[in-house]
Protein backbone atom coordinates (compact mmCIF):
# COMPACT_ATOMS: atom_id res chain seq x y z
CA MET A 1 39.84 -32.61 23.96
CA ASN A 2 36.02 -32.24 23.89
CA ASP A 3 32.61 -33.37 25.97
CA MET A 4 30.91 -34.86 23.36
CA LYS A 5 29.92 -38.50 23.53
CA ASN A 6 32.01 -38.87 20.25
CA LYS A 7 35.51 -38.20 19.66
CA LEU A 8 37.05 -36.38 16.30
CA GLY A 9 40.16 -37.52 14.28
CA LEU A 10 41.93 -35.87 11.18
CA ASN A 11 43.45 -38.07 8.79
CA ILE A 12 47.66 -38.14 7.32
CA HIS A 13 47.20 -37.87 3.55
CA SER A 14 49.58 -40.48 2.22
CA GLY A 15 50.16 -38.89 -0.70
CA ARG A 16 51.24 -35.93 0.84
CA ILE A 17 53.92 -37.47 3.39
CA ASP A 18 54.36 -40.21 0.75
CA GLY A 19 57.00 -42.18 2.99
CA ASP A 20 58.27 -38.73 4.74
CA LEU A 21 58.59 -39.25 8.35
CA LYS A 22 59.08 -35.64 8.97
CA LEU A 23 56.09 -34.44 7.08
CA LEU A 24 54.17 -37.43 9.29
CA LYS A 25 55.89 -35.19 12.45
CA ARG A 26 54.86 -32.04 10.99
CA ASP A 27 51.32 -33.17 10.11
CA LEU A 28 50.51 -34.91 13.63
CA ALA A 29 51.73 -31.68 15.29
CA ALA A 30 49.19 -29.41 13.23
CA ILE A 31 46.79 -32.52 14.52
CA GLN A 32 47.75 -32.34 17.52
CA GLU A 33 47.29 -28.32 17.96
CA ALA A 34 43.92 -28.11 15.70
CA GLY A 35 42.32 -29.89 18.69
CA ALA A 36 41.72 -33.79 17.32
CA ASP A 37 41.69 -36.70 19.30
CA VAL A 38 42.33 -38.94 16.80
CA ALA A 39 45.09 -39.39 13.71
CA GLU A 40 43.87 -41.60 11.26
CA ILE A 41 47.13 -43.36 9.75
CA PRO A 42 47.90 -44.71 6.35
CA VAL A 43 50.01 -47.82 6.96
CA HIS A 44 50.76 -46.99 2.97
CA GLY A 45 51.73 -43.63 2.76
CA VAL A 46 54.97 -44.42 5.70
CA ASP A 47 56.15 -47.66 3.81
CA ALA A 48 55.85 -49.94 6.25
CA ILE A 49 54.58 -52.79 4.15
CA VAL A 50 57.31 -54.27 1.12
CA ASN A 51 55.18 -56.38 -1.00
CA GLY A 52 52.91 -58.25 1.41
CA HIS A 53 55.60 -57.70 4.47
CA LEU A 54 55.74 -56.08 7.36
CA ARG A 55 59.14 -53.66 7.81
CA GLN A 56 59.02 -54.13 12.45
CA GLY A 57 62.22 -51.59 12.05
CA ARG A 58 60.38 -49.08 10.23
CA THR A 59 57.32 -49.94 12.09
CA LYS A 60 58.61 -49.30 15.16
CA LYS A 61 60.22 -45.74 13.67
CA VAL A 62 56.77 -45.33 13.04
CA ARG A 63 55.28 -46.20 16.35
CA ASP A 64 57.82 -44.10 18.44
CA ILE A 65 57.08 -40.93 16.77
CA LEU A 66 53.21 -41.49 17.30
CA ARG A 67 54.17 -41.88 21.40
CA THR A 68 55.31 -38.20 20.99
CA PHE A 69 52.06 -37.15 20.28
CA ASP A 70 48.96 -36.68 22.75
CA LEU A 71 46.40 -38.52 20.17
CA GLU A 72 45.20 -42.27 19.67
CA TYR A 73 45.42 -43.45 16.04
CA THR A 74 43.21 -45.70 13.69
CA VAL A 75 44.92 -46.97 10.59
CA HIS A 76 44.10 -46.83 7.14
CA ALA A 77 44.77 -50.11 4.84
CA PRO A 78 46.63 -49.18 1.37
CA ASP A 79 43.46 -47.73 -1.17
CA ARG A 80 44.88 -50.25 -3.49
CA LEU A 81 43.95 -53.31 -1.33
CA ASN A 82 41.14 -54.87 -2.69
CA LEU A 83 40.13 -58.80 -1.99
CA VAL A 84 38.41 -59.71 -5.11
CA ASP A 85 41.63 -58.45 -7.00
CA PHE A 86 42.36 -62.04 -9.22
CA GLU A 87 45.69 -60.66 -10.91
CA TYR A 88 47.56 -61.42 -7.78
CA PRO A 89 45.76 -62.73 -4.82
CA GLU A 90 47.79 -63.72 -2.76
CA ILE A 91 49.54 -60.58 -2.04
CA GLN A 92 46.11 -59.20 -1.37
CA ARG A 93 45.63 -61.79 1.82
CA LYS A 94 49.46 -60.55 2.46
CA VAL A 95 48.75 -57.05 2.54
CA PHE A 96 45.75 -57.16 4.44
CA ALA A 97 47.19 -59.06 7.17
CA ALA A 98 49.93 -56.70 7.22
CA SER A 99 47.93 -53.85 7.63
CA ILE A 100 46.45 -55.39 10.81
CA ARG A 101 49.63 -56.26 12.24
CA PHE A 102 50.60 -52.77 12.08
CA ALA A 103 47.66 -51.26 13.72
CA ALA A 104 47.86 -53.67 16.45
CA GLU A 105 51.52 -52.82 16.68
CA ILE A 106 50.66 -48.92 16.66
CA GLY A 107 48.63 -49.50 19.07
CA ALA A 108 45.41 -48.69 16.91
CA LYS A 109 41.81 -50.31 17.68
CA ILE A 110 40.13 -49.85 14.03
CA LEU A 111 41.78 -50.49 10.54
CA VAL A 112 39.81 -49.57 7.66
CA TYR A 113 39.44 -51.77 4.08
CA HIS A 114 38.00 -49.90 1.32
CA GLN A 115 35.26 -52.91 -0.01
CA GLY A 116 36.72 -54.17 -3.09
CA ARG A 117 35.60 -53.92 -6.24
CA LEU A 118 35.29 -56.90 -8.95
CA LYS A 119 37.75 -55.96 -11.90
CA SER A 120 37.60 -57.32 -15.75
CA ASN A 121 40.36 -59.87 -15.25
CA GLY A 122 39.88 -62.70 -17.95
CA GLN A 123 39.20 -65.45 -15.21
CA GLY A 124 35.11 -65.67 -15.47
CA VAL A 125 34.68 -64.62 -11.80
CA THR A 126 30.81 -63.53 -11.68
CA GLU A 127 30.26 -60.17 -9.32
CA GLU A 128 28.01 -62.86 -6.71
CA GLU A 129 31.52 -65.52 -6.89
CA ALA A 130 33.06 -62.28 -6.13
CA ARG A 131 31.25 -61.33 -3.31
CA GLU A 132 31.56 -64.59 -1.40
CA ILE A 133 35.13 -64.86 -1.76
CA GLU A 134 35.61 -61.44 -0.31
CA ILE A 135 32.97 -62.68 2.85
CA ASP A 136 35.49 -65.70 3.04
CA GLU A 137 38.14 -63.58 3.32
CA LEU A 138 36.66 -60.70 5.26
CA THR A 139 35.84 -64.23 7.88
CA GLU A 140 39.32 -66.05 7.93
CA LEU A 141 41.28 -62.55 8.56
CA GLY A 142 39.04 -61.35 11.02
CA HIS A 143 39.68 -64.02 13.03
CA LEU A 144 43.52 -62.58 12.57
CA ALA A 145 42.05 -59.47 13.49
CA ALA A 146 40.52 -60.64 16.48
CA LYS A 147 43.43 -62.00 18.19
CA GLU A 148 45.37 -58.95 17.97
CA GLY A 149 42.77 -56.62 19.26
CA VAL A 150 41.77 -55.12 15.84
CA THR A 151 37.84 -54.49 14.34
CA ILE A 152 38.29 -54.19 10.41
CA CYS A 153 35.66 -51.47 8.94
CA VAL A 154 34.96 -52.08 5.72
CA GLU A 155 34.37 -47.82 3.47
CA ASN A 156 31.90 -48.43 1.59
CA ILE A 157 32.87 -46.76 -1.55
CA HIS A 158 31.61 -48.35 -4.97
CA SER A 159 28.17 -49.15 -3.40
CA GLY A 160 25.82 -48.30 -1.13
CA LEU A 161 25.65 -49.35 2.75
CA VAL A 162 22.58 -51.91 2.17
CA HIS A 163 25.26 -53.76 -0.11
CA LEU A 164 27.88 -53.80 2.70
CA VAL A 165 25.18 -54.37 5.52
CA LYS A 166 24.16 -57.63 3.81
CA MET A 167 28.06 -58.31 3.17
CA ILE A 168 28.91 -58.18 7.03
CA LYS A 169 26.42 -59.87 8.60
CA ALA A 170 27.18 -62.49 5.96
CA VAL A 171 30.71 -62.11 7.38
CA ASP A 172 29.51 -62.58 11.19
CA GLU A 173 32.28 -61.52 12.83
CA ASP A 174 32.36 -59.63 15.77
CA SER A 175 35.90 -58.08 14.74
CA VAL A 176 34.35 -56.90 10.43
CA GLN A 177 31.99 -54.25 10.94
CA ILE A 178 31.54 -50.59 9.17
CA CYS A 179 33.33 -47.43 7.93
CA SER A 180 30.86 -45.52 7.05
CA ASP A 181 31.38 -42.82 5.16
CA PHE A 182 28.93 -40.71 4.32
CA ALA A 183 30.40 -38.36 1.30
CA HIS A 184 30.35 -41.62 -0.62
CA SER A 185 27.48 -42.10 0.32
CA TYR A 186 25.86 -39.13 -0.77
CA ILE A 187 27.69 -38.79 -4.18
CA ASN A 188 26.30 -42.82 -4.73
CA ALA A 189 22.33 -41.80 -3.55
CA CYS A 190 22.44 -38.60 -5.66
CA THR A 191 24.23 -40.24 -8.94
CA LEU A 192 21.77 -43.36 -9.01
CA GLY A 193 18.57 -41.31 -7.39
CA TYR A 194 17.87 -43.76 -4.30
CA ASP A 195 17.22 -41.93 -0.50
CA PHE A 196 20.60 -40.77 1.50
CA LEU A 197 19.25 -41.17 5.04
CA ARG A 198 17.18 -44.66 4.93
CA PRO A 199 20.37 -46.84 4.83
CA ILE A 200 22.31 -44.83 7.43
CA GLN A 201 20.17 -45.68 9.66
CA MET A 202 20.07 -49.46 7.95
CA ALA A 203 23.76 -49.55 8.72
CA LYS A 204 23.79 -47.43 12.09
CA PRO A 205 23.99 -51.15 14.35
CA PHE A 206 27.66 -52.03 12.80
CA ILE A 207 28.94 -48.72 12.06
CA ARG A 208 31.86 -48.88 14.54
CA HIS A 209 34.25 -45.97 12.57
CA ALA A 210 33.48 -43.08 10.34
CA HIS A 211 34.25 -40.59 7.72
CA VAL A 212 33.18 -37.16 7.27
CA ASN A 213 33.93 -34.88 4.64
CA ASP A 214 31.58 -32.78 2.41
CA ASN A 215 30.75 -32.60 -1.30
CA PHE A 216 28.25 -31.40 -3.83
CA GLY A 217 26.84 -35.07 -5.10
CA LYS A 218 28.36 -34.96 -8.36
CA GLY A 219 30.87 -37.33 -10.27
CA LYS A 220 31.27 -41.38 -8.52
CA PRO A 221 33.90 -41.59 -5.02
CA GLU A 222 36.75 -43.42 -7.63
CA SER A 223 37.22 -40.81 -10.03
CA ALA A 224 37.21 -36.96 -11.30
CA PRO A 225 38.89 -34.41 -12.94
CA PRO A 226 42.19 -33.31 -11.44
CA TYR A 227 41.27 -31.25 -8.28
CA ILE A 228 42.12 -28.02 -9.68
CA GLU A 229 39.44 -28.32 -11.79
CA ALA A 230 36.89 -30.38 -10.02
CA MET A 231 36.77 -28.06 -7.37
CA PRO A 232 35.73 -24.76 -9.39
CA MET A 233 32.79 -27.26 -10.97
CA GLY A 234 31.63 -28.97 -7.71
CA ILE A 235 32.72 -32.73 -9.25
CA GLY A 236 33.49 -35.52 -7.10
CA ASP A 237 34.62 -36.67 -3.84
CA LEU A 238 36.40 -33.59 -3.00
CA HIS A 239 36.92 -34.02 0.38
CA LEU A 240 35.84 -30.38 1.59
CA PRO A 241 35.71 -29.27 5.74
CA VAL A 242 31.77 -30.04 6.29
CA GLY A 243 30.04 -26.97 5.22
CA TRP A 244 31.49 -26.41 2.48
CA GLY A 245 29.50 -28.67 0.20
CA ILE A 246 25.96 -29.41 0.48
CA ILE A 247 25.40 -33.12 2.14
CA PRO A 248 22.60 -32.46 5.12
CA TYR A 249 24.94 -32.97 7.92
CA LYS A 250 22.73 -32.36 10.63
CA ASP A 251 20.10 -34.84 9.41
CA VAL A 252 23.02 -37.49 9.53
CA PHE A 253 24.60 -37.20 12.39
CA LYS A 254 20.26 -36.44 14.49
CA LEU A 255 20.42 -40.41 12.61
CA MET A 256 23.19 -41.45 14.49
CA ALA A 257 22.08 -40.32 17.76
CA GLY A 258 23.63 -42.56 19.81
CA TYR A 259 26.73 -43.96 18.06
CA THR A 260 29.88 -43.56 20.06
CA GLY A 261 32.52 -44.54 17.86
CA ILE A 262 35.07 -41.98 16.34
CA TYR A 263 34.42 -39.26 13.25
CA ILE A 264 37.15 -39.05 11.17
CA LEU A 265 37.18 -35.62 8.96
CA GLU A 266 38.87 -36.88 5.95
CA LEU A 267 40.16 -34.20 4.19
CA GLN A 268 41.81 -33.25 1.02
CA GLU A 269 46.09 -32.05 1.36
CA ARG A 270 45.67 -28.96 0.44
CA PHE A 271 43.57 -28.07 3.43
CA VAL A 272 46.32 -29.15 5.43
CA GLU A 273 48.85 -26.50 4.01
CA ASP A 274 48.04 -23.84 6.79
CA GLY A 275 48.70 -26.23 9.26
CA PRO A 276 46.77 -25.81 12.49
CA VAL A 277 44.66 -22.97 11.38
CA MET A 278 42.15 -24.77 8.70
CA LEU A 279 42.41 -27.86 10.49
CA LYS A 280 40.82 -26.01 13.65
CA GLU A 281 38.16 -24.04 11.96
CA ALA A 282 37.37 -27.35 10.30
CA LEU A 283 37.17 -29.74 13.98
CA LYS A 284 34.80 -26.61 15.41
CA ASP A 285 32.79 -26.06 12.36
CA LEU A 286 32.27 -30.59 12.83
CA ARG A 287 31.75 -30.07 16.99
CA GLU A 288 29.27 -28.03 16.56
CA LEU A 289 26.99 -29.50 14.07
CA ILE A 290 27.27 -32.83 16.12
CA THR A 291 26.64 -30.93 19.54
CA GLN A 292 23.65 -29.15 18.24
CA ALA A 293 22.34 -32.42 16.11
CA GLN A 294 22.41 -34.34 19.30
CA SER A 295 20.72 -31.70 21.55
CA ASP A 296 17.96 -31.43 18.76
CA LYS A 297 17.57 -34.92 18.84
CA GLU A 298 17.18 -34.97 22.87
CA GLU A 299 14.42 -32.24 22.25
């Protein structure tokens, strides 16, 4: 649907559809009409997993719906999935494995997983120990993903891309790579005062998937006031259309020249309310920005 090297996609918002497959159909129709190539499906948004077990009947229903659209698909694992959550470690592994199998069942090649975060657990696990555990778990899950034809893409959220590169190198599996969320990177860079673009350049060889949206570099990726308060103040991970915020995306896309993966425009659910109209405009703006950046890079 576009003549660029990259396919462009939009996300299905998990909280918006909340297990309602009629809403899934409606939003997929809007995404297709808007001219997207790909839709990112939240496995937790379609009720496909219960207590770590993949519901085969439900998965088939979802797959049958997806096949009625001229779209490719990627999958987003549950936001609460956390390989260094030691309160229920076994269920974390089961949910991860079920998410991999769900991706394979619907024909998706990419599964996005939010990088784990150590929480207060009373077990005396250090940050260093938690990192080693996550590396070991991702290595094992990477073996399953490889068998299923899926690539796990670990998304930066709680720390910078530099740390994530170290982890991916330690895992050392082709089936475990990076999903670069540039909006998360921008907030972290602004908050901590480090260079925004240099880590992207460092991570580029490991980036197999990317999330794009805009913000103003204020707050934290994982916490913000209620959206109706955050949006007027420009605080937090707002998931705005590209161009609404201040992230220097033209510089980002110049750096990403040669990347042939998918860009998922991950928008806040209110931007889907107008159906394909707002989505089409947001995709058009993104496509033009990427094309211009690629053209400038070639000159």
